[in-house]
Every structure is written in C-alpha cells, then in structure tokens.
C-alpha cells in the first residue's frame, strides 16, 4: 500500500509517496489476537504481589504458656496466634506472580494488526522529518493543532529525534517511542500514529529479519 509522506507543516515532502509492506501494514485485524497481546502486556507490567506470614510461617514457640483454668485470661495454645504482637496474620495475602507467556508469533501478529488498524482507519501518518526548530514546544503545539491529530503516538528510528523529544516533553497529548519500543497497547490507545521514514524501515526490518 502507498501512503503520502508529509512534514509537520502539513505539506507534502520530497518523494511524496512511500510504499508500505502489505504483510505488515495491511493485515486484517482480529479482536481476539489484539486482546490477547494487550492482556499479556498489562500482566507483564505487574510486579509480584508480596505475601504475608501466616500462623504456620511465624517462628515462635508452640508451647502452651499458661494453664487452662484459673489464670483469668483466654485459653491460648501458643504465641503464634494472630491476636498477639508478632503472631501470624489471619487470612493474609498470598504470593501472586504475574508472569504470563505468549507465543512470539502471536505477539508479532498483534503488532502487525495494531499497525494495520491505524492504516485501515486512515490515522497512520508518515513524516519525512520531525525536527523542531529551536526545540520549541509552542511551535510543535501549533503544528499539531493545524494537523488536528488528537492524541498522538510518534515512533522514530533507533532514537527519537532530540529536538522533537524536547518539544513534546510538556504536551500531554503526544507520546514518543523509538522503533524498538513499538508495542500494541500504546499504538491502539492513541488516535493518530505517526511514523518517520526511519521508523518504517526499522519496523519492516524487524519483521523481515
């Protein structure tokens, strides 16, 4: 498929059209695949839930410390009971490890489908350059307002162009990623996906490699 290459000013760039690989940008999206990959991503973000020590885990004496009758207190068997300071936690939290697995082919297919979703919807934009003069946030904000992009994810090549990263730092509607960080969740939650020429090359090399 062919897309128009433009600049941040909204003008056509030199070599105004770019041929995108249909095997990456024209895959028919499937909700079940995208759901599996997004769920896997969000689960991988979670840390291991810390467990608490219950009665069986506390190292205290099990000896009965008082007589059964006549002491004027409850008939406790040992100091591990939850009512004592240093005793075990009653119904404590258990260790939960969130470390799901997902086949690499499914993960790759999910990323292709996420890219294809934007291409199909017409919200995929290829930029020739994203350099911002003097790193000015005001300049970038004006450009994006004219382009009417909405919430935007910008993906660059090996590293995000420095002037653009600095200019976008205070814009809550713009997020930036290098090509290596492209992922399904971030791509799907943005209204517009902007790729540089370098990003397209890196993504195509990533799948073809």
N, C-alpha and C. Protein backbone atom coordinates (compact mmCIF):
# COMPACT_ATOMS: atom_id res chain seq x y z
N UNK A 1 0.84 -1.19 0.00
CA UNK A 1 0.00 0.00 0.00
C UNK A 1 0.88 1.25 0.00
N UNK A 2 0.36 2.32 -0.61
CA UNK A 2 1.10 3.57 -0.69
C UNK A 2 0.49 4.60 0.25
N UNK A 3 1.36 5.37 0.92
CA UNK A 3 0.90 6.46 1.77
C UNK A 3 1.66 7.73 1.39
N UNK A 4 1.03 8.86 1.65
CA UNK A 4 1.68 10.13 1.38
C UNK A 4 2.63 10.48 2.52
N UNK A 5 3.79 10.97 2.17
CA UNK A 5 4.76 11.41 3.16
C UNK A 5 4.64 12.92 3.28
N UNK A 6 4.53 13.40 4.52
CA UNK A 6 4.34 14.83 4.73
C UNK A 6 5.30 15.35 5.79
N UNK A 7 5.25 16.65 5.98
CA UNK A 7 6.07 17.31 7.00
C UNK A 7 5.16 17.77 8.14
N UNK A 8 5.76 18.26 9.21
CA UNK A 8 4.97 18.75 10.33
C UNK A 8 4.16 19.99 9.97
N UNK A 9 4.54 20.65 8.89
CA UNK A 9 3.77 21.80 8.42
C UNK A 9 2.52 21.39 7.66
N UNK A 10 2.38 20.08 7.41
CA UNK A 10 1.23 19.59 6.67
C UNK A 10 1.43 19.58 5.18
N UNK A 11 2.66 19.88 4.74
CA UNK A 11 2.96 19.91 3.31
C UNK A 11 3.52 18.57 2.86
N UNK A 12 3.40 18.30 1.56
CA UNK A 12 3.96 17.06 1.01
C UNK A 12 5.48 17.15 1.00
N UNK A 13 6.11 16.03 1.40
CA UNK A 13 7.57 16.01 1.43
C UNK A 13 8.12 15.55 0.09
N UNK A 14 9.43 15.65 -0.05
CA UNK A 14 10.08 15.14 -1.25
C UNK A 14 9.91 13.63 -1.30
N UNK A 15 9.63 13.13 -2.51
CA UNK A 15 9.31 11.71 -2.60
C UNK A 15 8.01 11.49 -1.86
N UNK A 16 6.95 12.17 -2.34
CA UNK A 16 5.71 12.34 -1.59
C UNK A 16 4.98 11.04 -1.27
N UNK A 17 5.36 9.93 -1.87
CA UNK A 17 4.69 8.67 -1.57
C UNK A 17 5.70 7.61 -1.14
N UNK A 18 5.24 6.77 -0.22
CA UNK A 18 6.09 5.69 0.30
C UNK A 18 5.32 4.38 0.21
N UNK A 19 5.97 3.36 -0.29
CA UNK A 19 5.34 2.04 -0.40
C UNK A 19 5.54 1.28 0.90
N UNK A 20 4.42 0.92 1.55
CA UNK A 20 4.47 0.16 2.79
C UNK A 20 4.25 -1.32 2.51
N UNK A 21 4.89 -2.15 3.28
CA UNK A 21 4.77 -3.60 3.11
C UNK A 21 3.38 -4.06 3.53
N UNK A 22 2.64 -4.65 2.61
CA UNK A 22 1.27 -5.10 2.91
C UNK A 22 1.25 -6.21 3.97
N UNK A 23 2.32 -6.97 4.07
CA UNK A 23 2.37 -8.05 5.06
C UNK A 23 2.47 -7.52 6.48
N UNK A 24 2.75 -6.22 6.62
CA UNK A 24 2.87 -5.59 7.94
C UNK A 24 1.78 -4.57 8.17
N UNK A 25 1.45 -3.77 7.15
CA UNK A 25 0.53 -2.66 7.33
C UNK A 25 -0.85 -2.91 6.70
N UNK A 26 -1.09 -4.08 6.16
CA UNK A 26 -2.40 -4.36 5.57
C UNK A 26 -2.94 -5.71 6.02
N UNK A 27 -2.66 -6.06 7.28
CA UNK A 27 -3.16 -7.31 7.85
C UNK A 27 -4.55 -7.06 8.42
N UNK A 28 -5.46 -7.97 8.16
CA UNK A 28 -6.83 -7.81 8.67
C UNK A 28 -6.83 -7.99 10.19
N UNK A 29 -7.22 -6.97 10.95
CA UNK A 29 -7.18 -7.06 12.42
C UNK A 29 -8.18 -8.07 12.97
N UNK A 30 -7.78 -8.74 14.04
CA UNK A 30 -8.66 -9.66 14.76
C UNK A 30 -8.69 -9.25 16.22
N UNK A 31 -9.90 -9.05 16.73
CA UNK A 31 -10.06 -8.56 18.11
C UNK A 31 -9.48 -9.54 19.13
N UNK A 32 -9.60 -10.85 18.86
CA UNK A 32 -9.13 -11.83 19.84
C UNK A 32 -7.60 -11.80 19.96
N UNK A 33 -6.90 -11.63 18.84
CA UNK A 33 -5.44 -11.56 18.87
C UNK A 33 -4.98 -10.29 19.59
N UNK A 34 -5.58 -9.17 19.25
CA UNK A 34 -5.22 -7.90 19.88
C UNK A 34 -5.50 -7.95 21.38
N UNK A 35 -6.61 -8.56 21.76
CA UNK A 35 -6.96 -8.68 23.19
C UNK A 35 -5.93 -9.52 23.93
N UNK A 36 -5.51 -10.62 23.32
CA UNK A 36 -4.52 -11.49 23.97
C UNK A 36 -3.19 -10.77 24.17
N UNK A 37 -2.76 -10.01 23.17
CA UNK A 37 -1.47 -9.33 23.27
C UNK A 37 -1.54 -8.19 24.30
N UNK A 38 -2.62 -7.42 24.28
CA UNK A 38 -2.76 -6.32 25.25
C UNK A 38 -2.83 -6.86 26.67
N UNK A 39 -3.59 -7.93 26.87
CA UNK A 39 -3.68 -8.55 28.20
C UNK A 39 -2.31 -9.04 28.66
N UNK A 40 -1.56 -9.66 27.76
CA UNK A 40 -0.21 -10.13 28.08
C UNK A 40 0.69 -8.97 28.48
N UNK A 41 0.62 -7.87 27.73
CA UNK A 41 1.45 -6.70 28.04
C UNK A 41 1.15 -6.13 29.42
N UNK A 42 -0.14 -5.97 29.72
CA UNK A 42 -0.52 -5.37 31.00
C UNK A 42 -0.18 -6.29 32.17
N UNK A 43 -0.30 -7.60 31.96
CA UNK A 43 0.07 -8.55 33.01
C UNK A 43 1.57 -8.51 33.27
N UNK A 44 2.37 -8.37 32.19
CA UNK A 44 3.82 -8.33 32.35
C UNK A 44 4.28 -7.10 33.13
N UNK A 45 3.49 -6.05 33.13
CA UNK A 45 3.85 -4.83 33.85
C UNK A 45 3.74 -5.01 35.36
N UNK A 46 2.92 -5.95 35.80
CA UNK A 46 2.64 -6.09 37.22
C UNK A 46 3.79 -6.78 37.94
N UNK A 47 4.10 -6.28 39.11
CA UNK A 47 5.13 -6.90 39.93
C UNK A 47 4.55 -8.06 40.72
N UNK A 48 5.42 -8.86 41.31
CA UNK A 48 4.98 -9.98 42.12
C UNK A 48 4.34 -9.45 43.40
N UNK A 49 3.13 -9.92 43.70
CA UNK A 49 2.42 -9.47 44.89
C UNK A 49 3.06 -10.13 46.13
N UNK A 50 3.42 -9.31 47.10
CA UNK A 50 4.11 -9.80 48.29
C UNK A 50 3.14 -10.55 49.20
N UNK A 51 3.58 -11.67 49.70
CA UNK A 51 2.78 -12.45 50.62
C UNK A 51 3.07 -12.06 52.07
N UNK A 52 2.14 -12.35 52.98
CA UNK A 52 2.35 -12.09 54.41
C UNK A 52 2.57 -13.41 55.14
N UNK A 53 3.16 -13.34 56.32
CA UNK A 53 3.40 -14.55 57.11
C UNK A 53 2.16 -14.89 57.91
N UNK A 54 1.68 -16.09 57.70
CA UNK A 54 0.51 -16.55 58.44
C UNK A 54 0.97 -17.35 59.66
N UNK A 55 0.04 -17.91 60.36
CA UNK A 55 0.32 -18.57 61.64
C UNK A 55 1.38 -19.66 61.51
N UNK A 56 1.32 -20.40 60.41
CA UNK A 56 2.27 -21.50 60.22
C UNK A 56 3.66 -21.01 59.84
N UNK A 57 3.79 -19.73 59.43
CA UNK A 57 5.08 -19.21 58.97
C UNK A 57 5.85 -18.46 60.04
N UNK A 58 5.21 -18.17 61.17
CA UNK A 58 5.85 -17.39 62.22
C UNK A 58 6.70 -18.29 63.12
N UNK A 59 7.93 -17.86 63.37
CA UNK A 59 8.85 -18.66 64.22
C UNK A 59 8.70 -18.24 65.67
N UNK A 60 7.69 -18.80 66.37
CA UNK A 60 7.51 -18.55 67.80
C UNK A 60 7.23 -19.88 68.48
N UNK A 61 7.35 -19.90 69.75
CA UNK A 61 7.17 -21.15 70.49
C UNK A 61 5.75 -21.69 70.36
N UNK A 62 5.66 -22.98 70.34
CA UNK A 62 4.35 -23.62 70.30
C UNK A 62 3.92 -24.15 71.65
N UNK A 63 4.72 -23.83 72.64
CA UNK A 63 4.42 -24.32 73.99
C UNK A 63 3.23 -23.58 74.58
N UNK A 64 2.38 -24.31 75.26
CA UNK A 64 1.24 -23.67 75.94
C UNK A 64 1.80 -22.87 77.11
N UNK A 65 1.56 -21.55 77.10
CA UNK A 65 2.26 -20.68 78.04
C UNK A 65 1.48 -20.39 79.32
N UNK A 66 0.31 -20.91 79.45
CA UNK A 66 -0.47 -20.69 80.69
C UNK A 66 -1.38 -21.87 80.95
N UNK A 67 -1.82 -21.97 82.16
CA UNK A 67 -2.70 -23.09 82.48
C UNK A 67 -4.08 -22.87 81.85
N UNK A 68 -4.80 -23.98 81.73
CA UNK A 68 -6.09 -23.94 81.05
C UNK A 68 -7.12 -23.16 81.86
N UNK A 69 -7.13 -23.33 83.16
CA UNK A 69 -8.13 -22.68 84.01
C UNK A 69 -7.45 -21.89 85.12
N UNK A 70 -8.13 -20.90 85.60
CA UNK A 70 -7.68 -20.18 86.78
C UNK A 70 -6.75 -19.02 86.52
N UNK A 71 -6.35 -18.80 85.29
CA UNK A 71 -5.41 -17.70 85.02
C UNK A 71 -6.10 -16.37 84.80
N UNK A 72 -7.40 -16.40 84.57
CA UNK A 72 -8.12 -15.15 84.34
C UNK A 72 -8.00 -14.62 82.92
N UNK A 73 -7.39 -15.41 82.02
CA UNK A 73 -7.24 -15.00 80.63
C UNK A 73 -7.78 -16.08 79.71
N UNK A 74 -7.78 -15.77 78.41
CA UNK A 74 -8.26 -16.76 77.44
C UNK A 74 -7.33 -17.96 77.40
N UNK A 75 -7.85 -19.10 76.93
CA UNK A 75 -7.10 -20.35 76.92
C UNK A 75 -6.29 -20.46 75.61
N UNK A 76 -5.16 -19.74 75.53
CA UNK A 76 -4.35 -19.76 74.31
C UNK A 76 -3.40 -20.94 74.32
N UNK A 77 -3.17 -21.49 73.11
CA UNK A 77 -2.27 -22.62 72.99
C UNK A 77 -0.83 -22.22 72.73
N UNK A 78 -0.59 -21.13 71.95
CA UNK A 78 0.77 -20.68 71.66
C UNK A 78 0.77 -19.22 71.24
N UNK A 79 1.97 -18.67 71.08
CA UNK A 79 2.13 -17.25 70.78
C UNK A 79 2.03 -16.93 69.29
N UNK A 80 1.80 -17.92 68.46
CA UNK A 80 1.68 -17.67 67.02
C UNK A 80 0.30 -17.18 66.61
N UNK A 81 -0.63 -17.13 67.55
CA UNK A 81 -2.00 -16.72 67.24
C UNK A 81 -2.03 -15.27 66.75
N UNK A 82 -2.93 -14.94 65.84
CA UNK A 82 -2.99 -13.58 65.27
C UNK A 82 -3.29 -12.48 66.29
N UNK A 83 -3.83 -12.82 67.45
CA UNK A 83 -4.18 -11.79 68.43
C UNK A 83 -2.95 -11.24 69.15
N UNK A 84 -1.80 -11.92 69.02
CA UNK A 84 -0.59 -11.47 69.70
C UNK A 84 0.30 -10.65 68.77
N UNK A 85 1.01 -9.67 69.35
CA UNK A 85 2.02 -8.95 68.60
C UNK A 85 3.11 -9.93 68.18
N UNK A 86 3.44 -9.93 66.91
CA UNK A 86 4.42 -10.88 66.40
C UNK A 86 3.82 -12.19 65.96
N UNK A 87 2.51 -12.33 66.11
CA UNK A 87 1.85 -13.55 65.67
C UNK A 87 1.60 -13.54 64.17
N UNK A 88 1.07 -14.62 63.67
CA UNK A 88 0.81 -14.73 62.23
C UNK A 88 -0.40 -13.92 61.81
N UNK A 89 -0.40 -13.49 60.56
CA UNK A 89 -1.51 -12.72 60.00
C UNK A 89 -2.68 -13.65 59.70
N UNK A 90 -3.87 -13.25 60.13
CA UNK A 90 -5.06 -14.05 59.83
C UNK A 90 -5.53 -13.76 58.41
N UNK A 91 -5.69 -14.78 57.62
CA UNK A 91 -6.17 -14.65 56.23
C UNK A 91 -5.31 -13.66 55.45
N UNK A 92 -4.00 -13.82 55.54
CA UNK A 92 -3.07 -12.89 54.91
C UNK A 92 -3.01 -13.02 53.40
N UNK A 93 -2.39 -12.01 52.77
CA UNK A 93 -2.23 -12.00 51.31
C UNK A 93 -1.29 -13.12 50.89
N UNK A 94 -1.58 -13.76 49.79
CA UNK A 94 -0.74 -14.83 49.26
C UNK A 94 0.17 -14.30 48.16
N UNK A 95 1.31 -14.96 47.95
CA UNK A 95 2.22 -14.57 46.87
C UNK A 95 1.55 -14.84 45.53
N UNK A 96 1.52 -13.83 44.67
CA UNK A 96 0.95 -13.98 43.33
C UNK A 96 1.95 -13.45 42.32
N UNK A 97 2.35 -14.29 41.42
CA UNK A 97 3.35 -13.91 40.43
C UNK A 97 2.69 -13.77 39.07
N UNK A 98 2.74 -12.55 38.52
CA UNK A 98 2.11 -12.29 37.22
C UNK A 98 3.18 -12.38 36.14
N UNK A 99 3.32 -13.53 35.57
CA UNK A 99 4.35 -13.73 34.55
C UNK A 99 3.80 -14.63 33.45
N UNK A 100 2.83 -14.09 32.68
CA UNK A 100 2.21 -14.92 31.65
C UNK A 100 3.15 -15.14 30.46
N UNK A 101 2.85 -16.12 29.68
CA UNK A 101 3.63 -16.38 28.47
C UNK A 101 2.72 -16.23 27.24
N UNK A 102 3.32 -15.82 26.15
CA UNK A 102 2.57 -15.69 24.90
C UNK A 102 3.53 -15.97 23.76
N UNK A 103 3.09 -16.79 22.84
CA UNK A 103 3.91 -17.18 21.70
C UNK A 103 4.41 -15.96 20.92
N UNK A 104 5.70 -15.99 20.51
CA UNK A 104 6.29 -14.86 19.78
C UNK A 104 5.55 -14.56 18.49
N UNK A 105 5.05 -15.60 17.83
CA UNK A 105 4.32 -15.38 16.58
C UNK A 105 3.04 -14.59 16.82
N UNK A 106 2.38 -14.87 17.94
CA UNK A 106 1.15 -14.15 18.27
C UNK A 106 1.47 -12.69 18.60
N UNK A 107 2.57 -12.48 19.32
CA UNK A 107 2.97 -11.11 19.66
C UNK A 107 3.30 -10.30 18.41
N UNK A 108 4.02 -10.93 17.48
CA UNK A 108 4.38 -10.25 16.23
C UNK A 108 3.13 -9.97 15.39
N UNK A 109 2.22 -10.95 15.36
CA UNK A 109 0.99 -10.77 14.59
C UNK A 109 0.15 -9.64 15.19
N UNK A 110 0.13 -9.56 16.53
CA UNK A 110 -0.62 -8.50 17.19
C UNK A 110 -0.09 -7.12 16.84
N UNK A 111 1.24 -6.98 16.76
CA UNK A 111 1.83 -5.69 16.40
C UNK A 111 1.50 -5.32 14.96
N UNK A 112 1.56 -6.30 14.06
CA UNK A 112 1.18 -6.04 12.67
C UNK A 112 -0.28 -5.58 12.57
N UNK A 113 -1.15 -6.23 13.36
CA UNK A 113 -2.57 -5.88 13.33
C UNK A 113 -2.81 -4.49 13.90
N UNK A 114 -2.05 -4.13 14.94
CA UNK A 114 -2.19 -2.79 15.52
C UNK A 114 -1.79 -1.72 14.51
N UNK A 115 -0.68 -1.95 13.81
CA UNK A 115 -0.24 -1.01 12.77
C UNK A 115 -1.28 -0.95 11.64
N UNK A 116 -1.79 -2.11 11.27
CA UNK A 116 -2.77 -2.18 10.19
C UNK A 116 -4.09 -1.51 10.56
N UNK A 117 -4.43 -1.54 11.86
CA UNK A 117 -5.66 -0.89 12.32
C UNK A 117 -5.64 0.60 12.03
N UNK A 118 -4.49 1.24 12.30
CA UNK A 118 -4.36 2.67 12.01
C UNK A 118 -4.32 2.93 10.49
N UNK A 119 -3.63 2.05 9.77
CA UNK A 119 -3.55 2.23 8.32
C UNK A 119 -4.94 2.12 7.68
N UNK A 120 -5.72 1.16 8.18
CA UNK A 120 -7.06 0.94 7.64
C UNK A 120 -7.99 2.11 7.98
N UNK A 121 -7.80 2.68 9.17
CA UNK A 121 -8.66 3.79 9.61
C UNK A 121 -8.23 5.13 9.04
N UNK A 122 -7.08 5.17 8.38
CA UNK A 122 -6.59 6.43 7.83
C UNK A 122 -5.92 7.31 8.86
N UNK A 123 -5.60 6.75 10.03
CA UNK A 123 -4.96 7.55 11.09
C UNK A 123 -3.46 7.26 11.19
N UNK A 124 -2.91 6.61 10.16
CA UNK A 124 -1.47 6.38 10.09
C UNK A 124 -0.85 7.47 9.22
N UNK A 125 0.13 8.18 9.78
CA UNK A 125 0.78 9.29 9.06
C UNK A 125 2.28 9.01 9.01
N UNK A 126 2.86 9.17 7.84
CA UNK A 126 4.31 9.01 7.69
C UNK A 126 4.93 10.39 7.49
N UNK A 127 5.90 10.71 8.35
CA UNK A 127 6.57 12.00 8.30
C UNK A 127 7.97 11.85 7.72
N UNK A 128 8.36 12.85 6.95
CA UNK A 128 9.71 12.86 6.39
C UNK A 128 10.72 13.21 7.48
N UNK A 129 10.37 14.20 8.29
CA UNK A 129 11.25 14.63 9.38
C UNK A 129 10.39 15.20 10.50
N UNK A 130 10.83 15.00 11.74
CA UNK A 130 10.08 15.54 12.87
C UNK A 130 10.93 16.54 13.67
N UNK A 131 11.97 17.06 13.04
CA UNK A 131 12.84 18.03 13.71
C UNK A 131 12.06 19.33 13.97
N UNK A 132 12.26 19.90 15.16
CA UNK A 132 11.59 21.13 15.56
C UNK A 132 12.63 22.24 15.75
N UNK A 133 12.41 23.35 15.09
CA UNK A 133 13.36 24.45 15.18
C UNK A 133 13.43 24.99 16.61
N UNK A 134 14.62 25.08 17.15
CA UNK A 134 14.88 25.62 18.49
C UNK A 134 14.20 24.82 19.61
N UNK A 135 13.80 23.60 19.32
CA UNK A 135 13.19 22.70 20.33
C UNK A 135 11.93 23.31 20.97
N UNK A 136 11.20 24.15 20.24
CA UNK A 136 10.11 24.91 20.82
C UNK A 136 8.81 24.10 20.93
N UNK A 137 8.30 24.00 22.17
CA UNK A 137 7.02 23.33 22.39
C UNK A 137 5.89 24.09 21.71
N UNK A 138 5.95 25.42 21.73
CA UNK A 138 4.90 26.24 21.13
C UNK A 138 4.80 25.96 19.63
N UNK A 139 5.94 25.80 18.98
CA UNK A 139 5.94 25.50 17.54
C UNK A 139 5.29 24.17 17.25
N UNK A 140 5.65 23.16 18.03
CA UNK A 140 5.08 21.82 17.83
C UNK A 140 3.59 21.82 18.12
N UNK A 141 3.18 22.49 19.19
CA UNK A 141 1.75 22.54 19.54
C UNK A 141 0.94 23.18 18.42
N UNK A 142 1.50 24.24 17.81
CA UNK A 142 0.81 24.89 16.71
C UNK A 142 0.68 23.99 15.50
N UNK A 143 1.75 23.25 15.20
CA UNK A 143 1.72 22.31 14.06
C UNK A 143 0.67 21.23 14.27
N UNK A 144 0.63 20.67 15.48
CA UNK A 144 -0.31 19.58 15.76
C UNK A 144 -1.75 20.09 15.77
N UNK A 145 -1.95 21.32 16.21
CA UNK A 145 -3.30 21.89 16.19
C UNK A 145 -3.79 22.05 14.76
N UNK A 146 -2.90 22.47 13.87
CA UNK A 146 -3.28 22.63 12.46
C UNK A 146 -3.56 21.28 11.80
N UNK A 147 -2.80 20.26 12.23
CA UNK A 147 -2.97 18.93 11.64
C UNK A 147 -4.17 18.18 12.22
N UNK A 148 -4.66 18.65 13.40
CA UNK A 148 -5.83 18.03 14.06
C UNK A 148 -5.60 16.53 14.31
N UNK A 149 -4.48 16.22 14.95
CA UNK A 149 -4.12 14.82 15.18
C UNK A 149 -4.78 14.21 16.40
N UNK A 150 -5.13 14.99 17.40
CA UNK A 150 -5.66 14.42 18.64
C UNK A 150 -4.54 13.79 19.45
N UNK A 151 -4.87 12.75 20.20
CA UNK A 151 -3.85 12.05 21.00
C UNK A 151 -2.94 11.27 20.06
N UNK A 152 -1.65 11.60 20.10
CA UNK A 152 -0.74 11.13 19.05
C UNK A 152 0.43 10.33 19.63
N UNK A 153 0.76 9.24 18.97
CA UNK A 153 1.97 8.48 19.27
C UNK A 153 2.93 8.65 18.10
N UNK A 154 4.14 9.10 18.40
CA UNK A 154 5.15 9.30 17.37
C UNK A 154 6.25 8.26 17.56
N UNK A 155 6.52 7.49 16.52
CA UNK A 155 7.57 6.47 16.57
C UNK A 155 8.66 6.86 15.59
N UNK A 156 9.89 6.92 16.10
CA UNK A 156 11.04 7.29 15.28
C UNK A 156 11.94 6.07 15.09
N UNK A 157 13.16 6.29 14.61
CA UNK A 157 14.08 5.20 14.31
C UNK A 157 14.77 4.62 15.54
N UNK A 158 16.11 4.55 15.50
CA UNK A 158 16.85 3.99 16.64
C UNK A 158 16.64 4.81 17.90
N UNK A 159 16.51 6.12 17.76
CA UNK A 159 16.25 7.02 18.89
C UNK A 159 15.36 8.14 18.41
N UNK A 160 14.55 8.68 19.33
CA UNK A 160 13.65 9.77 18.96
C UNK A 160 14.46 11.03 18.70
N UNK A 161 14.14 11.74 17.63
CA UNK A 161 14.84 12.98 17.28
C UNK A 161 14.85 13.93 18.48
N UNK A 162 16.04 14.39 18.86
CA UNK A 162 16.21 15.12 20.12
C UNK A 162 15.33 16.36 20.22
N UNK A 163 15.29 17.17 19.16
CA UNK A 163 14.52 18.41 19.23
C UNK A 163 13.02 18.12 19.40
N UNK A 164 12.55 17.06 18.76
CA UNK A 164 11.12 16.70 18.89
C UNK A 164 10.82 16.19 20.30
N UNK A 165 11.71 15.36 20.83
CA UNK A 165 11.51 14.82 22.18
C UNK A 165 11.46 15.94 23.21
N UNK A 166 12.33 16.95 23.05
CA UNK A 166 12.34 18.08 23.98
C UNK A 166 11.08 18.93 23.83
N UNK A 167 10.68 19.15 22.59
CA UNK A 167 9.49 19.97 22.34
C UNK A 167 8.21 19.29 22.82
N UNK A 168 8.16 17.96 22.73
CA UNK A 168 6.95 17.21 23.10
C UNK A 168 6.89 16.89 24.58
N UNK A 169 7.94 17.23 25.31
CA UNK A 169 8.01 16.84 26.72
C UNK A 169 6.87 17.35 27.57
N UNK A 170 6.34 18.55 27.27
CA UNK A 170 5.27 19.13 28.07
C UNK A 170 3.90 19.02 27.41
N UNK A 171 3.79 18.24 26.35
CA UNK A 171 2.50 18.06 25.68
C UNK A 171 1.90 16.72 26.09
N UNK A 172 0.82 16.77 26.86
CA UNK A 172 0.25 15.52 27.38
C UNK A 172 -0.48 14.71 26.30
N UNK A 173 -0.72 15.30 25.13
CA UNK A 173 -1.40 14.58 24.06
C UNK A 173 -0.42 13.90 23.09
N UNK A 174 0.88 14.06 23.35
CA UNK A 174 1.89 13.49 22.45
C UNK A 174 2.82 12.57 23.23
N UNK A 175 2.97 11.36 22.75
CA UNK A 175 3.93 10.42 23.31
C UNK A 175 4.90 9.98 22.23
N UNK A 176 6.13 9.73 22.62
CA UNK A 176 7.16 9.36 21.64
C UNK A 176 7.82 8.04 22.04
N UNK A 177 8.22 7.27 21.03
CA UNK A 177 8.90 5.99 21.25
C UNK A 177 9.93 5.77 20.15
N UNK A 178 11.03 5.11 20.46
CA UNK A 178 11.90 4.63 19.38
C UNK A 178 11.26 3.40 18.74
N UNK A 179 11.71 3.02 17.57
CA UNK A 179 11.09 1.89 16.87
C UNK A 179 11.15 0.59 17.67
N UNK A 180 12.22 0.41 18.45
CA UNK A 180 12.36 -0.82 19.23
C UNK A 180 11.28 -0.93 20.30
N UNK A 181 10.71 0.23 20.70
CA UNK A 181 9.70 0.22 21.75
C UNK A 181 8.27 0.15 21.25
N UNK A 182 8.07 0.02 19.95
CA UNK A 182 6.72 -0.05 19.39
C UNK A 182 5.97 -1.24 19.99
N UNK A 183 4.78 -1.01 20.50
CA UNK A 183 4.02 -2.09 21.12
C UNK A 183 2.53 -1.90 20.88
N UNK A 184 1.79 -2.97 21.01
CA UNK A 184 0.37 -2.99 20.65
C UNK A 184 -0.45 -2.05 21.53
N UNK A 185 -0.24 -2.11 22.83
CA UNK A 185 -1.06 -1.32 23.76
C UNK A 185 -0.95 0.18 23.47
N UNK A 186 0.28 0.69 23.36
CA UNK A 186 0.47 2.12 23.13
C UNK A 186 -0.05 2.54 21.77
N UNK A 187 0.11 1.69 20.76
CA UNK A 187 -0.37 2.04 19.41
C UNK A 187 -1.89 2.14 19.40
N UNK A 188 -2.57 1.21 20.05
CA UNK A 188 -4.03 1.18 20.00
C UNK A 188 -4.69 2.28 20.81
N UNK A 189 -4.04 2.76 21.86
CA UNK A 189 -4.71 3.73 22.73
C UNK A 189 -4.55 5.18 22.24
N UNK A 190 -3.89 5.37 21.10
CA UNK A 190 -3.74 6.72 20.54
C UNK A 190 -4.63 6.89 19.31
N UNK A 191 -5.07 8.13 19.10
CA UNK A 191 -5.94 8.42 17.96
C UNK A 191 -5.16 8.42 16.64
N UNK A 192 -3.92 8.90 16.70
CA UNK A 192 -3.10 9.03 15.49
C UNK A 192 -1.75 8.38 15.71
N UNK A 193 -1.28 7.65 14.73
CA UNK A 193 0.05 7.04 14.78
C UNK A 193 0.92 7.72 13.73
N UNK A 194 2.01 8.32 14.17
CA UNK A 194 2.94 9.00 13.27
C UNK A 194 4.24 8.19 13.22
N UNK A 195 4.63 7.80 12.02
CA UNK A 195 5.89 7.08 11.80
C UNK A 195 6.82 7.93 10.96
N UNK A 196 8.07 7.94 11.29
CA UNK A 196 9.05 8.58 10.42
C UNK A 196 9.51 7.55 9.38
N UNK A 197 10.19 8.02 8.37
CA UNK A 197 10.74 7.08 7.37
C UNK A 197 11.66 6.06 8.06
N UNK A 198 12.46 6.54 9.01
CA UNK A 198 13.37 5.65 9.73
C UNK A 198 12.60 4.60 10.50
N UNK A 199 11.46 4.99 11.10
CA UNK A 199 10.64 4.04 11.85
C UNK A 199 10.06 2.96 10.94
N UNK A 200 9.60 3.37 9.75
CA UNK A 200 9.06 2.38 8.80
C UNK A 200 10.14 1.38 8.41
N UNK A 201 11.34 1.87 8.15
CA UNK A 201 12.45 0.98 7.79
C UNK A 201 12.77 0.00 8.92
N UNK A 202 12.81 0.52 10.15
CA UNK A 202 13.14 -0.32 11.29
C UNK A 202 12.07 -1.38 11.55
N UNK A 203 10.80 -0.98 11.44
CA UNK A 203 9.72 -1.92 11.67
C UNK A 203 9.68 -3.02 10.61
N UNK A 204 9.89 -2.62 9.36
CA UNK A 204 9.90 -3.62 8.29
C UNK A 204 11.09 -4.56 8.43
N UNK A 205 12.24 -4.01 8.82
CA UNK A 205 13.43 -4.85 9.04
C UNK A 205 13.22 -5.78 10.23
N UNK A 206 12.50 -5.31 11.23
CA UNK A 206 12.23 -6.11 12.43
C UNK A 206 11.44 -7.37 12.09
N UNK A 207 10.46 -7.24 11.21
CA UNK A 207 9.65 -8.41 10.84
C UNK A 207 10.31 -9.25 9.77
N UNK A 208 11.01 -8.63 8.86
CA UNK A 208 11.66 -9.38 7.80
C UNK A 208 12.91 -10.07 8.29
N UNK A 209 13.48 -9.54 9.39
CA UNK A 209 14.72 -10.14 9.91
C UNK A 209 14.47 -11.41 10.67
